[in-house]
C-alpha atoms as a PDB file:
ATOM      1  CA  MET A   1     207.727 359.237 134.890  1.00  0.00           C
ATOM      2  CA  TYR A   2     203.829 358.185 136.231  1.00  0.00           C
ATOM      3  CA  ALA A   3     200.973 360.076 136.766  1.00  0.00           C
ATOM      4  CA  ILE A   4     197.475 359.509 138.947  1.00  0.00           C
ATOM      5  CA  VAL A   5     194.967 359.978 136.125  1.00  0.00           C
ATOM      6  CA  GLU A   6     190.821 360.091 135.935  1.00  0.00           C
ATOM      7  CA  ILE A   7     189.238 357.528 133.658  1.00  0.00           C
ATOM      8  CA  ALA A   8     185.468 356.397 133.973  1.00  0.00           C
ATOM      9  CA  GLY A   9     184.878 358.116 137.362  1.00  0.00           C
ATOM     10  CA  GLN A  10     188.129 355.966 139.162  1.00  0.00           C
ATOM     11  CA  GLN A  11     191.323 356.924 139.502  1.00  0.00           C
ATOM     12  CA  PHE A  12     194.435 355.152 138.511  1.00  0.00           C
ATOM     13  CA  LYS A  13     198.584 355.467 138.785  1.00  0.00           C
ATOM     14  CA  VAL A  14     199.807 354.985 135.318  1.00  0.00           C
ATOM     15  CA  GLU A  15     203.488 354.901 134.111  1.00  0.00           C
ATOM     16  CA  LYS A  16     204.341 354.614 130.024  1.00  0.00           C
ATOM     17  CA  GLY A  17     203.755 350.842 128.694  1.00  0.00           C
ATOM     18  CA  GLN A  18     201.552 349.792 131.205  1.00  0.00           C
ATOM     19  CA  LYS A  19     198.739 348.233 130.604  1.00  0.00           C
ATOM     20  CA  LEU A  20     195.274 347.853 133.262  1.00  0.00           C
ATOM     21  CA  PHE A  21     191.558 347.119 132.839  1.00  0.00           C
ATOM     22  CA  VAL A  22     189.121 349.911 133.675  1.00  0.00           C
ATOM     23  CA  GLN A  23     185.237 350.566 133.455  1.00  0.00           C
ATOM     24  CA  ARG A  24     184.540 349.906 129.847  1.00  0.00           C
ATOM     25  CA  LEU A  25     184.884 353.012 127.207  1.00  0.00           C
ATOM     26  CA  HIS A  26     182.822 354.017 125.092  1.00  0.00           C
ATOM     27  CA  ASP A  27     183.070 355.472 122.479  1.00  0.00           C
ATOM     28  CA  ALA A  28     183.349 359.592 122.185  1.00  0.00           C
ATOM     29  CA  ASN A  29     180.747 360.376 119.277  1.00  0.00           C
ATOM     30  CA  ASN A  30     177.731 358.044 120.422  1.00  0.00           C
ATOM     31  CA  ALA A  31     177.686 357.030 123.985  1.00  0.00           C
ATOM     32  CA  GLU A  32     175.579 353.401 122.914  1.00  0.00           C
ATOM     33  CA  GLU A  33     179.311 351.943 121.258  1.00  0.00           C
ATOM     34  CA  ASP A  34     181.962 350.808 123.073  1.00  0.00           C
ATOM     35  CA  ALA A  35     185.388 352.612 121.909  1.00  0.00           C
ATOM     36  CA  LYS A  36     186.940 351.311 119.365  1.00  0.00           C
ATOM     37  CA  LEU A  37     190.303 348.535 119.358  1.00  0.00           C
ATOM     38  CA  ASN A  38     193.069 349.735 117.976  1.00  0.00           C
ATOM     39  CA  SER A  39     191.912 353.947 118.531  1.00  0.00           C
ATOM     40  CA  ASP A  40     193.745 356.015 120.679  1.00  0.00           C
ATOM     41  CA  ILE A  41     191.719 357.940 123.110  1.00  0.00           C
ATOM     42  CA  GLU A  42     193.572 361.108 125.562  1.00  0.00           C
ATOM     43  CA  PHE A  43     192.802 361.652 129.516  1.00  0.00           C
ATOM     44  CA  GLU A  44     192.931 365.047 130.638  1.00  0.00           C
ATOM     45  CA  LYS A  45     191.778 364.403 133.881  1.00  0.00           C
ATOM     46  CA  VAL A  46     195.731 364.128 135.064  1.00  0.00           C
ATOM     47  CA  LEU A  47     195.204 365.110 138.992  1.00  0.00           C
ATOM     48  CA  LEU A  48     199.260 364.508 139.547  1.00  0.00           C
ATOM     49  CA  ILE A  49     202.423 363.938 137.773  1.00  0.00           C
ATOM     50  CA  ASP A  50     205.898 363.095 139.359  1.00  0.00           C
ATOM     51  CA  ASN A  51     208.241 363.571 136.995  1.00  0.00           C
ATOM     52  CA  ASN A  52     211.869 362.170 138.289  1.00  0.00           C
ATOM     53  CA  GLY A  53     210.956 363.535 141.639  1.00  0.00           C
ATOM     54  CA  THR A  54     209.579 366.842 140.675  1.00  0.00           C
ATOM     55  CA  ILE A  55     205.478 366.133 141.995  1.00  0.00           C
ATOM     56  CA  THR A  56     203.326 368.800 140.481  1.00  0.00           C
ATOM     57  CA  VAL A  57     199.887 368.763 141.893  1.00  0.00           C
ATOM     58  CA  GLY A  58     196.709 369.608 140.356  1.00  0.00           C
ATOM     59  CA  THR A  59     194.141 372.366 141.021  1.00  0.00           C
ATOM     60  CA  PRO A  60     191.956 370.267 140.805  1.00  0.00           C
ATOM     61  CA  THR A  61     193.945 369.273 137.657  1.00  0.00           C
ATOM     62  CA  VAL A  62     197.102 369.693 136.279  1.00  0.00           C
ATOM     63  CA  SER A  63     196.610 372.616 133.056  1.00  0.00           C
ATOM     64  CA  GLY A  64     198.359 371.081 129.877  1.00  0.00           C
ATOM     65  CA  ALA A  65     198.915 367.979 131.119  1.00  0.00           C
ATOM     66  CA  LYS A  66     197.663 364.744 129.502  1.00  0.00           C
ATOM     67  CA  VAL A  67     198.038 361.050 129.119  1.00  0.00           C
ATOM     68  CA  SER A  68     197.050 359.021 125.716  1.00  0.00           C
ATOM     69  CA  ALA A  69     196.226 355.200 125.553  1.00  0.00           C
ATOM     70  CA  LYS A  70     195.374 352.892 123.336  1.00  0.00           C
ATOM     71  CA  VAL A  71     192.067 350.370 123.541  1.00  0.00           C
ATOM     72  CA  LEU A  72     193.270 346.727 123.460  1.00  0.00           C
ATOM     73  CA  SER A  73     190.208 344.830 124.035  1.00  0.00           C
ATOM     74  CA  HIS A  74     187.012 344.463 125.524  1.00  0.00           C
ATOM     75  CA  VAL A  75     186.176 341.886 128.298  1.00  0.00           C
ATOM     76  CA  LYS A  76     183.645 340.708 131.143  1.00  0.00           C
ATOM     77  CA  GLY A  77     185.041 340.208 134.056  1.00  0.00           C
ATOM     78  CA  ASP A  78     185.094 337.182 136.303  1.00  0.00           C
ATOM     79  CA  LYS A  79     181.418 336.233 137.993  1.00  0.00           C
ATOM     80  CA  VAL A  80     180.542 337.279 141.469  1.00  0.00           C
ATOM     81  CA  LEU A  81     177.724 335.387 142.969  1.00  0.00           C
ATOM     82  CA  VAL A  82     175.260 337.407 145.264  1.00  0.00           C
ATOM     83  CA  PHE A  83     173.255 335.014 147.261  1.00  0.00           C
ATOM     84  CA  HIS A  84     170.399 336.400 149.524  1.00  0.00           C
ATOM     85  CA  LYS A  85     168.736 333.967 152.470  1.00  0.00           C
ATOM     86  CA  LYS A  86     166.385 334.675 154.979  1.00  0.00           C
ATOM     87  CA  ARG A  87     167.205 331.681 158.199  1.00  0.00           C
ATOM     88  CA  ARG A  88     163.721 330.168 158.903  1.00  0.00           C
ATOM     89  CA  LYS A  89     161.784 331.363 156.002  1.00  0.00           C
ATOM     90  CA  GLY A  90     163.102 328.975 153.134  1.00  0.00           C
ATOM     91  CA  LEU A  91     164.244 332.352 151.019  1.00  0.00           C
ATOM     92  CA  ARG A  92     167.474 331.616 149.141  1.00  0.00           C
ATOM     93  CA  LYS A  93     167.862 333.694 146.072  1.00  0.00           C
ATOM     94  CA  LEU A  94     171.175 333.911 144.225  1.00  0.00           C
ATOM     95  CA  ASN A  95     171.931 336.315 141.625  1.00  0.00           C
ATOM     96  CA  GLY A  96     175.785 336.435 139.457  1.00  0.00           C
ATOM     97  CA  HIS A  97     176.886 339.815 137.587  1.00  0.00           C
ATOM     98  CA  ARG A  98     180.345 340.109 135.404  1.00  0.00           C
ATOM     99  CA  GLN A  99     181.576 343.694 135.029  1.00  0.00           C
ATOM    100  CA  TYR A 100     182.527 344.916 131.924  1.00  0.00           C
ATOM    101  CA  PHE A 101     185.867 345.583 130.744  1.00  0.00           C
ATOM    102  CA  THR A 102     188.476 347.648 128.657  1.00  0.00           C
ATOM    103  CA  GLU A 103     191.779 347.264 128.264  1.00  0.00           C
ATOM    104  CA  ILE A 104     193.857 349.777 126.966  1.00  0.00           C
ATOM    105  CA  GLN A 105     197.765 350.269 127.459  1.00  0.00           C
ATOM    106  CA  ILE A 106     198.980 353.745 128.119  1.00  0.00           C
ATOM    107  CA  ASN A 107     201.305 354.985 125.423  1.00  0.00           C
ATOM    108  CA  ASP A 108     202.571 358.264 126.647  1.00  0.00           C
ATOM    109  CA  VAL A 109     202.348 361.114 130.010  1.00  0.00           C
ATOM    110  CA  VAL A 110     203.074 364.467 128.734  1.00  0.00           C
ATOM    111  CA  ALA A 111     203.266 366.921 131.539  1.00  0.00           C
END
């Protein structure tokens, strides 16, 4: 059984027991704080569910379906280097960026 769920504006194909990295999740009560470690969260924007070959497609979401997950850690991704250069001008600029991620583990997919 798998589901396609929208988490933090992106769509993910999830199954029970799967670990994945999503954009940094924040606390539901305070948008400035990160989600607490080892806390359970639920995602209710389930777009599709496949239950052993029986596919249910939402319009736009499947009613009554939800995905529960557990927050494992907050990490930073690999550094991405952004290099700008204008030829014959001597202009060179190097910027670095590291994206913030939250690692979650899918506990259950409820259809």
